C-alpha cells in the first residue's frame, strides 16, 4: 500500500446518492453514475470518479449512511434531472493507493486506521472517499483518501 499526503482542491461534483449500509450495494450506485457519465460523453482520460462515504459508521445508524458516487465536473456544469450537483470540500488528506479488489480493499480499510493512529494523524470531519482516474482503473487501483488535520 503506497501512502502520500496531499492537499486536494475543492471538487465540483455531479453525483448519485444511496442511503443505507455501506458495502456491496454501493457498487450499483457507482455503475449508475458511470452509465450516466458515459451516455453524456463525460468520461475520458482526465476524468476523476469518487466514491464518497458521507457518514461515520461509528456514529451514524447504518440505515442512514449516505454514499455518493460522483464525477468531478467543471464549474458551471449544467445538470440534468438524473444527477445531483454539489461540492466536495478540499484540504489535507492522507491517501492510500491500493489494488481495487474486494480482498485488498477490505484489508486496506482495516489497516488504514491502525496506520493513522500509529503515526499520530488526526482525522478531520470531512468525508472519506475513494478516488479513481482512468489510468488507475485500467490498472485496477484506487486511492482511499482520509481527511486529516
N, C-alpha and C. Protein backbone atom coordinates (compact mmCIF):
# COMPACT_ATOMS: atom_id res chain seq x y z
N UNK A 1 0.86 -1.17 0.00
CA UNK A 1 0.00 0.00 0.00
C UNK A 1 0.91 1.24 0.00
N UNK A 2 0.74 2.08 -1.00
CA UNK A 2 1.50 3.32 -1.13
C UNK A 2 0.75 4.43 -0.39
N UNK A 3 1.49 5.25 0.38
CA UNK A 3 0.88 6.30 1.19
C UNK A 3 1.49 7.65 0.83
N UNK A 4 0.63 8.68 0.72
CA UNK A 4 1.13 10.04 0.49
C UNK A 4 0.18 11.04 1.13
N UNK A 5 0.72 12.21 1.45
CA UNK A 5 -0.07 13.33 1.96
C UNK A 5 -0.29 14.28 0.78
N UNK A 6 -1.51 14.77 0.64
CA UNK A 6 -1.85 15.63 -0.49
C UNK A 6 -2.87 16.68 -0.05
N UNK A 7 -2.73 17.88 -0.60
CA UNK A 7 -3.76 18.89 -0.44
C UNK A 7 -4.64 18.81 -1.68
N UNK A 8 -5.88 18.40 -1.47
CA UNK A 8 -6.82 18.18 -2.56
C UNK A 8 -7.67 19.44 -2.70
N UNK A 9 -7.89 19.90 -3.94
CA UNK A 9 -8.74 21.08 -4.12
C UNK A 9 -10.19 20.74 -3.85
N UNK A 10 -11.01 21.77 -3.66
CA UNK A 10 -12.45 21.54 -3.57
C UNK A 10 -12.93 21.12 -4.95
N UNK A 11 -13.65 20.02 -5.01
CA UNK A 11 -14.15 19.49 -6.27
C UNK A 11 -15.62 19.86 -6.45
N UNK A 12 -15.99 20.34 -7.63
CA UNK A 12 -17.39 20.45 -8.05
C UNK A 12 -17.77 19.06 -8.55
N UNK A 13 -18.88 18.49 -8.07
CA UNK A 13 -19.23 17.12 -8.44
C UNK A 13 -20.67 16.99 -8.91
N UNK A 14 -20.85 16.03 -9.81
CA UNK A 14 -22.18 15.55 -10.18
C UNK A 14 -22.25 14.16 -9.55
N UNK A 15 -23.37 13.84 -8.87
CA UNK A 15 -23.37 12.58 -8.12
C UNK A 15 -24.75 11.93 -8.02
N UNK A 16 -24.69 10.63 -7.75
CA UNK A 16 -25.86 9.82 -7.41
C UNK A 16 -25.70 9.45 -5.94
N UNK A 17 -26.77 9.50 -5.16
CA UNK A 17 -26.70 9.19 -3.73
C UNK A 17 -27.48 7.91 -3.42
N UNK A 18 -26.88 7.11 -2.54
CA UNK A 18 -27.52 5.93 -1.99
C UNK A 18 -27.54 6.08 -0.48
N UNK A 19 -28.66 5.75 0.17
CA UNK A 19 -28.75 5.79 1.62
C UNK A 19 -28.96 4.36 2.11
N UNK A 20 -28.12 3.94 3.05
CA UNK A 20 -28.19 2.59 3.60
C UNK A 20 -26.81 2.14 4.01
N UNK A 21 -26.70 0.92 4.52
CA UNK A 21 -25.40 0.43 4.98
C UNK A 21 -24.36 0.45 3.86
N UNK A 22 -23.14 0.88 4.21
CA UNK A 22 -22.05 0.85 3.25
C UNK A 22 -21.73 -0.60 2.92
N UNK A 23 -21.25 -0.82 1.72
CA UNK A 23 -20.86 -2.17 1.33
C UNK A 23 -21.13 -2.43 -0.13
N UNK A 24 -21.41 -3.69 -0.45
CA UNK A 24 -21.54 -4.13 -1.83
C UNK A 24 -22.62 -3.39 -2.61
N UNK A 25 -23.67 -2.92 -1.95
CA UNK A 25 -24.75 -2.22 -2.66
C UNK A 25 -24.27 -0.89 -3.25
N UNK A 26 -23.16 -0.35 -2.75
CA UNK A 26 -22.63 0.89 -3.32
C UNK A 26 -22.19 0.69 -4.77
N UNK A 27 -21.84 -0.53 -5.11
CA UNK A 27 -21.40 -0.85 -6.47
C UNK A 27 -22.46 -0.45 -7.50
N UNK A 28 -23.72 -0.74 -7.22
CA UNK A 28 -24.79 -0.41 -8.15
C UNK A 28 -24.91 1.10 -8.35
N UNK A 29 -24.74 1.86 -7.28
CA UNK A 29 -24.79 3.32 -7.39
C UNK A 29 -23.65 3.82 -8.27
N UNK A 30 -22.47 3.24 -8.10
CA UNK A 30 -21.33 3.62 -8.92
C UNK A 30 -21.57 3.26 -10.39
N UNK A 31 -22.18 2.11 -10.63
CA UNK A 31 -22.49 1.71 -12.01
C UNK A 31 -23.47 2.69 -12.65
N UNK A 32 -24.47 3.14 -11.89
CA UNK A 32 -25.43 4.13 -12.40
C UNK A 32 -24.72 5.41 -12.81
N UNK A 33 -23.79 5.87 -11.97
CA UNK A 33 -23.03 7.08 -12.28
C UNK A 33 -22.24 6.89 -13.57
N UNK A 34 -21.53 5.77 -13.68
CA UNK A 34 -20.70 5.52 -14.86
C UNK A 34 -21.54 5.44 -16.13
N UNK A 35 -22.70 4.80 -16.04
CA UNK A 35 -23.58 4.70 -17.21
C UNK A 35 -24.09 6.08 -17.61
N UNK A 36 -24.48 6.89 -16.64
CA UNK A 36 -24.93 8.25 -16.91
C UNK A 36 -23.81 9.07 -17.56
N UNK A 37 -22.62 9.01 -16.95
CA UNK A 37 -21.48 9.79 -17.46
C UNK A 37 -21.07 9.34 -18.86
N UNK A 38 -21.11 8.04 -19.12
CA UNK A 38 -20.77 7.54 -20.46
C UNK A 38 -21.79 8.02 -21.48
N UNK A 39 -23.07 7.97 -21.13
CA UNK A 39 -24.13 8.42 -22.05
C UNK A 39 -24.00 9.91 -22.36
N UNK A 40 -23.49 10.69 -21.40
CA UNK A 40 -23.30 12.13 -21.58
C UNK A 40 -21.93 12.46 -22.18
N UNK A 41 -21.14 11.40 -22.47
CA UNK A 41 -19.78 11.55 -23.02
C UNK A 41 -18.89 12.39 -22.09
N UNK A 42 -18.98 12.12 -20.80
CA UNK A 42 -18.22 12.86 -19.81
C UNK A 42 -16.98 12.10 -19.32
N UNK A 43 -16.81 10.86 -19.78
CA UNK A 43 -15.67 10.06 -19.33
C UNK A 43 -14.55 10.12 -20.36
N UNK A 44 -13.36 10.50 -19.89
CA UNK A 44 -12.18 10.49 -20.75
C UNK A 44 -10.96 10.24 -19.87
N UNK A 45 -9.77 10.41 -20.43
CA UNK A 45 -8.54 10.12 -19.69
C UNK A 45 -8.29 11.08 -18.52
N UNK A 46 -9.02 12.20 -18.48
CA UNK A 46 -8.82 13.17 -17.40
C UNK A 46 -9.89 13.07 -16.32
N UNK A 47 -10.86 12.19 -16.49
CA UNK A 47 -11.97 12.08 -15.54
C UNK A 47 -11.50 11.61 -14.16
N UNK A 48 -12.16 12.16 -13.15
CA UNK A 48 -11.93 11.72 -11.77
C UNK A 48 -13.28 11.28 -11.22
N UNK A 49 -13.34 10.02 -10.78
CA UNK A 49 -14.55 9.45 -10.18
C UNK A 49 -14.29 9.26 -8.69
N UNK A 50 -15.31 9.57 -7.89
CA UNK A 50 -15.19 9.48 -6.44
C UNK A 50 -16.30 8.62 -5.85
N UNK A 51 -15.97 7.81 -4.88
CA UNK A 51 -16.94 7.10 -4.06
C UNK A 51 -16.85 7.70 -2.67
N UNK A 52 -17.85 8.50 -2.29
CA UNK A 52 -17.76 9.33 -1.08
C UNK A 52 -18.64 8.74 0.03
N UNK A 53 -18.00 8.43 1.14
CA UNK A 53 -18.72 7.98 2.35
C UNK A 53 -18.99 9.23 3.18
N UNK A 54 -20.24 9.67 3.20
CA UNK A 54 -20.59 10.93 3.85
C UNK A 54 -20.70 10.81 5.37
N UNK A 55 -20.86 9.60 5.90
CA UNK A 55 -21.13 9.45 7.33
C UNK A 55 -20.16 8.47 7.99
N UNK A 56 -19.93 8.67 9.26
CA UNK A 56 -19.08 7.80 10.06
C UNK A 56 -19.93 6.64 10.59
N UNK A 57 -19.56 5.42 10.25
CA UNK A 57 -20.35 4.26 10.66
C UNK A 57 -20.34 4.03 12.17
N UNK A 58 -19.40 4.66 12.86
CA UNK A 58 -19.36 4.51 14.31
C UNK A 58 -20.36 5.42 15.02
N UNK A 59 -20.84 6.46 14.31
CA UNK A 59 -21.75 7.42 14.94
C UNK A 59 -23.07 7.57 14.20
N UNK A 60 -23.23 6.89 13.06
CA UNK A 60 -24.45 7.01 12.26
C UNK A 60 -25.10 5.64 12.11
N UNK A 61 -26.39 5.58 12.29
CA UNK A 61 -27.15 4.35 12.06
C UNK A 61 -26.87 3.89 10.63
N UNK A 62 -26.46 2.62 10.42
CA UNK A 62 -26.16 2.14 9.08
C UNK A 62 -27.26 2.41 8.06
N UNK A 63 -28.51 2.38 8.49
CA UNK A 63 -29.62 2.63 7.57
C UNK A 63 -29.68 4.08 7.10
N UNK A 64 -28.93 4.97 7.78
CA UNK A 64 -28.94 6.39 7.43
C UNK A 64 -27.63 6.85 6.79
N UNK A 65 -26.69 5.92 6.58
CA UNK A 65 -25.41 6.28 5.97
C UNK A 65 -25.60 6.66 4.51
N UNK A 66 -24.94 7.75 4.11
CA UNK A 66 -25.06 8.27 2.74
C UNK A 66 -23.77 7.98 1.97
N UNK A 67 -23.95 7.39 0.78
CA UNK A 67 -22.84 7.11 -0.13
C UNK A 67 -23.11 7.83 -1.44
N UNK A 68 -22.14 8.62 -1.90
CA UNK A 68 -22.26 9.34 -3.16
C UNK A 68 -21.27 8.80 -4.17
N UNK A 69 -21.76 8.39 -5.32
CA UNK A 69 -20.91 8.05 -6.46
C UNK A 69 -20.85 9.32 -7.29
N UNK A 70 -19.65 9.87 -7.48
CA UNK A 70 -19.53 11.21 -8.04
C UNK A 70 -18.51 11.29 -9.17
N UNK A 71 -18.74 12.26 -10.03
CA UNK A 71 -17.82 12.60 -11.11
C UNK A 71 -17.43 14.06 -10.91
N UNK A 72 -16.13 14.35 -10.92
CA UNK A 72 -15.68 15.74 -10.83
C UNK A 72 -16.04 16.42 -12.15
N UNK A 73 -16.72 17.56 -12.05
CA UNK A 73 -17.17 18.32 -13.23
C UNK A 73 -16.68 19.76 -13.11
N UNK A 74 -16.61 20.48 -14.24
CA UNK A 74 -16.15 21.87 -14.19
C UNK A 74 -17.19 22.79 -13.55
N UNK A 75 -16.74 23.93 -13.03
CA UNK A 75 -17.65 24.95 -12.51
C UNK A 75 -18.67 25.30 -13.58
N UNK A 76 -19.90 25.53 -13.17
CA UNK A 76 -20.93 25.92 -14.12
C UNK A 76 -21.52 24.76 -14.90
N UNK A 77 -21.16 23.54 -14.53
CA UNK A 77 -21.69 22.36 -15.21
C UNK A 77 -23.22 22.38 -15.18
N UNK A 78 -23.83 22.13 -16.32
CA UNK A 78 -25.28 22.12 -16.41
C UNK A 78 -25.82 20.74 -16.06
N UNK A 79 -26.51 20.66 -14.96
CA UNK A 79 -27.04 19.37 -14.52
C UNK A 79 -28.30 19.01 -15.28
N UNK A 80 -28.65 17.74 -15.17
CA UNK A 80 -29.93 17.28 -15.70
C UNK A 80 -30.72 16.67 -14.55
N UNK A 81 -31.89 16.13 -14.86
CA UNK A 81 -32.75 15.60 -13.80
C UNK A 81 -32.25 14.29 -13.18
N UNK A 82 -31.25 13.67 -13.77
CA UNK A 82 -30.75 12.38 -13.30
C UNK A 82 -29.75 12.50 -12.15
N UNK A 83 -29.10 13.66 -12.03
CA UNK A 83 -27.93 13.77 -11.17
C UNK A 83 -28.06 14.97 -10.23
N UNK A 84 -27.43 14.86 -9.07
CA UNK A 84 -27.34 15.97 -8.13
C UNK A 84 -26.01 16.69 -8.35
N UNK A 85 -25.95 17.97 -7.99
CA UNK A 85 -24.72 18.75 -8.11
C UNK A 85 -24.33 19.24 -6.72
N UNK A 86 -23.05 19.19 -6.42
CA UNK A 86 -22.57 19.67 -5.13
C UNK A 86 -21.09 19.90 -5.18
N UNK A 87 -20.48 19.93 -4.01
CA UNK A 87 -19.03 20.05 -3.96
C UNK A 87 -18.49 19.19 -2.83
N UNK A 88 -17.26 18.76 -3.03
CA UNK A 88 -16.52 18.02 -2.01
C UNK A 88 -15.42 18.96 -1.54
N UNK A 89 -15.50 19.35 -0.28
CA UNK A 89 -14.54 20.33 0.27
C UNK A 89 -13.13 19.74 0.27
N UNK A 90 -12.21 20.52 -0.23
CA UNK A 90 -10.81 20.10 -0.29
C UNK A 90 -10.12 20.27 1.04
N UNK A 91 -8.82 20.04 1.01
CA UNK A 91 -8.00 20.18 2.20
C UNK A 91 -6.91 19.11 2.23
N UNK A 92 -6.34 18.92 3.40
CA UNK A 92 -5.25 17.98 3.58
C UNK A 92 -5.79 16.56 3.75
N UNK A 93 -5.25 15.64 2.97
CA UNK A 93 -5.67 14.23 3.01
C UNK A 93 -4.45 13.34 3.05
N UNK A 94 -4.60 12.19 3.69
CA UNK A 94 -3.62 11.13 3.55
C UNK A 94 -4.25 10.11 2.61
N UNK A 95 -3.51 9.75 1.57
CA UNK A 95 -4.04 8.88 0.52
C UNK A 95 -3.30 7.56 0.51
N UNK A 96 -4.06 6.49 0.40
CA UNK A 96 -3.53 5.14 0.35
C UNK A 96 -3.89 4.54 -1.01
N UNK A 97 -2.89 4.23 -1.82
CA UNK A 97 -3.13 3.61 -3.12
C UNK A 97 -3.15 2.10 -2.93
N UNK A 98 -4.26 1.48 -3.32
CA UNK A 98 -4.44 0.04 -3.11
C UNK A 98 -5.01 -0.61 -4.35
N UNK A 99 -4.80 -1.91 -4.46
CA UNK A 99 -5.43 -2.67 -5.54
C UNK A 99 -6.93 -2.62 -5.35
N UNK A 100 -7.65 -2.51 -6.44
CA UNK A 100 -9.12 -2.42 -6.35
C UNK A 100 -9.72 -3.82 -6.50
N UNK A 101 -9.49 -4.63 -5.46
CA UNK A 101 -10.12 -5.94 -5.34
C UNK A 101 -10.83 -5.98 -4.00
N UNK A 102 -11.79 -6.85 -3.86
CA UNK A 102 -12.52 -6.95 -2.59
C UNK A 102 -11.57 -7.23 -1.44
N UNK A 103 -10.65 -8.17 -1.65
CA UNK A 103 -9.73 -8.57 -0.59
C UNK A 103 -8.80 -7.42 -0.20
N UNK A 104 -8.20 -6.76 -1.20
CA UNK A 104 -7.26 -5.68 -0.92
C UNK A 104 -7.96 -4.48 -0.28
N UNK A 105 -9.15 -4.16 -0.75
CA UNK A 105 -9.89 -3.02 -0.19
C UNK A 105 -10.30 -3.32 1.26
N UNK A 106 -10.77 -4.52 1.52
CA UNK A 106 -11.16 -4.90 2.89
C UNK A 106 -9.96 -4.81 3.82
N UNK A 107 -8.82 -5.33 3.38
CA UNK A 107 -7.60 -5.27 4.19
C UNK A 107 -7.15 -3.83 4.39
N UNK A 108 -7.21 -3.03 3.33
CA UNK A 108 -6.78 -1.63 3.43
C UNK A 108 -7.62 -0.87 4.44
N UNK A 109 -8.94 -1.04 4.38
CA UNK A 109 -9.81 -0.32 5.32
C UNK A 109 -9.51 -0.75 6.77
N UNK A 110 -9.05 -1.97 6.95
CA UNK A 110 -8.66 -2.44 8.29
C UNK A 110 -7.34 -1.80 8.71
N UNK A 111 -6.37 -1.76 7.78
CA UNK A 111 -5.03 -1.28 8.10
C UNK A 111 -4.93 0.24 8.22
N UNK A 112 -5.75 0.96 7.48
CA UNK A 112 -5.63 2.41 7.41
C UNK A 112 -5.75 3.07 8.78
N UNK A 113 -6.73 2.72 9.55
CA UNK A 113 -6.94 3.40 10.82
C UNK A 113 -5.86 3.05 11.84
N UNK A 114 -5.30 1.85 11.73
CA UNK A 114 -4.14 1.47 12.54
C UNK A 114 -2.95 2.35 12.14
N UNK A 115 -2.74 2.50 10.84
CA UNK A 115 -1.65 3.33 10.31
C UNK A 115 -1.78 4.78 10.78
N UNK A 116 -2.99 5.31 10.71
CA UNK A 116 -3.23 6.69 11.14
C UNK A 116 -2.90 6.86 12.63
N UNK A 117 -3.40 5.96 13.45
CA UNK A 117 -3.18 6.04 14.89
C UNK A 117 -1.69 5.90 15.23
N UNK A 118 -1.01 4.98 14.58
CA UNK A 118 0.41 4.75 14.86
C UNK A 118 1.29 5.91 14.45
N UNK A 119 0.85 6.72 13.50
CA UNK A 119 1.67 7.83 13.01
C UNK A 119 1.18 9.18 13.48
N UNK A 120 0.23 9.18 14.42
CA UNK A 120 -0.20 10.41 15.06
C UNK A 120 -1.08 11.32 14.22
N UNK A 121 -1.71 10.79 13.18
CA UNK A 121 -2.60 11.61 12.36
C UNK A 121 -3.96 11.71 13.03
N UNK A 122 -4.55 12.89 12.96
CA UNK A 122 -5.89 13.11 13.50
C UNK A 122 -6.86 13.29 12.33
N UNK A 123 -7.91 12.50 12.30
CA UNK A 123 -8.89 12.55 11.22
C UNK A 123 -9.74 13.80 11.36
N UNK A 124 -9.94 14.49 10.23
CA UNK A 124 -10.79 15.67 10.18
C UNK A 124 -12.22 15.22 9.93
N UNK A 125 -13.18 16.14 10.04
CA UNK A 125 -14.59 15.75 9.92
C UNK A 125 -15.13 15.86 8.49
N UNK A 126 -14.27 16.03 7.49
CA UNK A 126 -14.71 16.00 6.09
C UNK A 126 -14.91 14.54 5.67
N UNK A 127 -15.64 14.31 4.58
CA UNK A 127 -15.89 12.92 4.15
C UNK A 127 -14.62 12.19 3.69
N UNK A 128 -14.63 10.91 3.92
CA UNK A 128 -13.63 10.00 3.39
C UNK A 128 -14.11 9.58 2.00
N UNK A 129 -13.18 9.36 1.07
CA UNK A 129 -13.62 8.92 -0.26
C UNK A 129 -12.58 8.06 -0.94
N UNK A 130 -13.06 7.31 -1.93
CA UNK A 130 -12.20 6.55 -2.83
C UNK A 130 -12.14 7.34 -4.12
N UNK A 131 -10.92 7.48 -4.68
CA UNK A 131 -10.73 8.27 -5.90
C UNK A 131 -10.16 7.38 -6.99
N UNK A 132 -10.74 7.54 -8.17
CA UNK A 132 -10.34 6.75 -9.33
C UNK A 132 -10.05 7.67 -10.52
N UNK A 133 -8.96 7.42 -11.22
CA UNK A 133 -8.70 8.07 -12.50
C UNK A 133 -8.76 6.97 -13.57
N UNK A 134 -8.82 7.36 -14.83
CA UNK A 134 -8.86 6.37 -15.91
C UNK A 134 -7.64 5.45 -15.84
N UNK A 135 -6.47 6.03 -15.60
CA UNK A 135 -5.25 5.23 -15.52
C UNK A 135 -5.31 4.23 -14.37
N UNK A 136 -5.76 4.70 -13.22
CA UNK A 136 -5.86 3.82 -12.06
C UNK A 136 -6.84 2.68 -12.32
N UNK A 137 -8.00 3.01 -12.92
CA UNK A 137 -9.00 1.98 -13.22
C UNK A 137 -8.44 0.94 -14.18
N UNK A 138 -7.68 1.38 -15.18
CA UNK A 138 -7.13 0.44 -16.16
C UNK A 138 -6.12 -0.51 -15.52
N UNK A 139 -5.49 -0.05 -14.43
CA UNK A 139 -4.51 -0.87 -13.73
C UNK A 139 -5.09 -1.52 -12.47
N UNK A 140 -6.40 -1.35 -12.24
CA UNK A 140 -7.12 -1.95 -11.11
C UNK A 140 -6.62 -1.46 -9.75
N UNK A 141 -6.43 -0.12 -9.66
CA UNK A 141 -6.04 0.51 -8.41
C UNK A 141 -7.03 1.63 -8.09
N UNK A 142 -7.03 2.05 -6.84
CA UNK A 142 -7.77 3.25 -6.43
C UNK A 142 -7.03 3.86 -5.25
N UNK A 143 -7.43 5.09 -4.92
CA UNK A 143 -6.88 5.76 -3.75
C UNK A 143 -7.98 5.88 -2.71
N UNK A 144 -7.66 5.55 -1.48
CA UNK A 144 -8.53 5.80 -0.35
C UNK A 144 -8.01 7.09 0.29
N UNK A 145 -8.86 8.11 0.32
CA UNK A 145 -8.45 9.43 0.78
C UNK A 145 -9.13 9.74 2.12
N UNK A 146 -8.32 9.95 3.15
CA UNK A 146 -8.81 10.21 4.50
C UNK A 146 -8.44 11.64 4.88
N UNK A 147 -9.43 12.47 5.26
CA UNK A 147 -9.11 13.86 5.62
C UNK A 147 -8.39 13.91 6.96
N UNK A 148 -7.31 14.70 7.01
CA UNK A 148 -6.57 14.84 8.25
C UNK A 148 -6.39 16.31 8.59
N UNK A 149 -6.14 16.57 9.88
CA UNK A 149 -5.95 17.95 10.36
C UNK A 149 -4.49 18.34 10.22
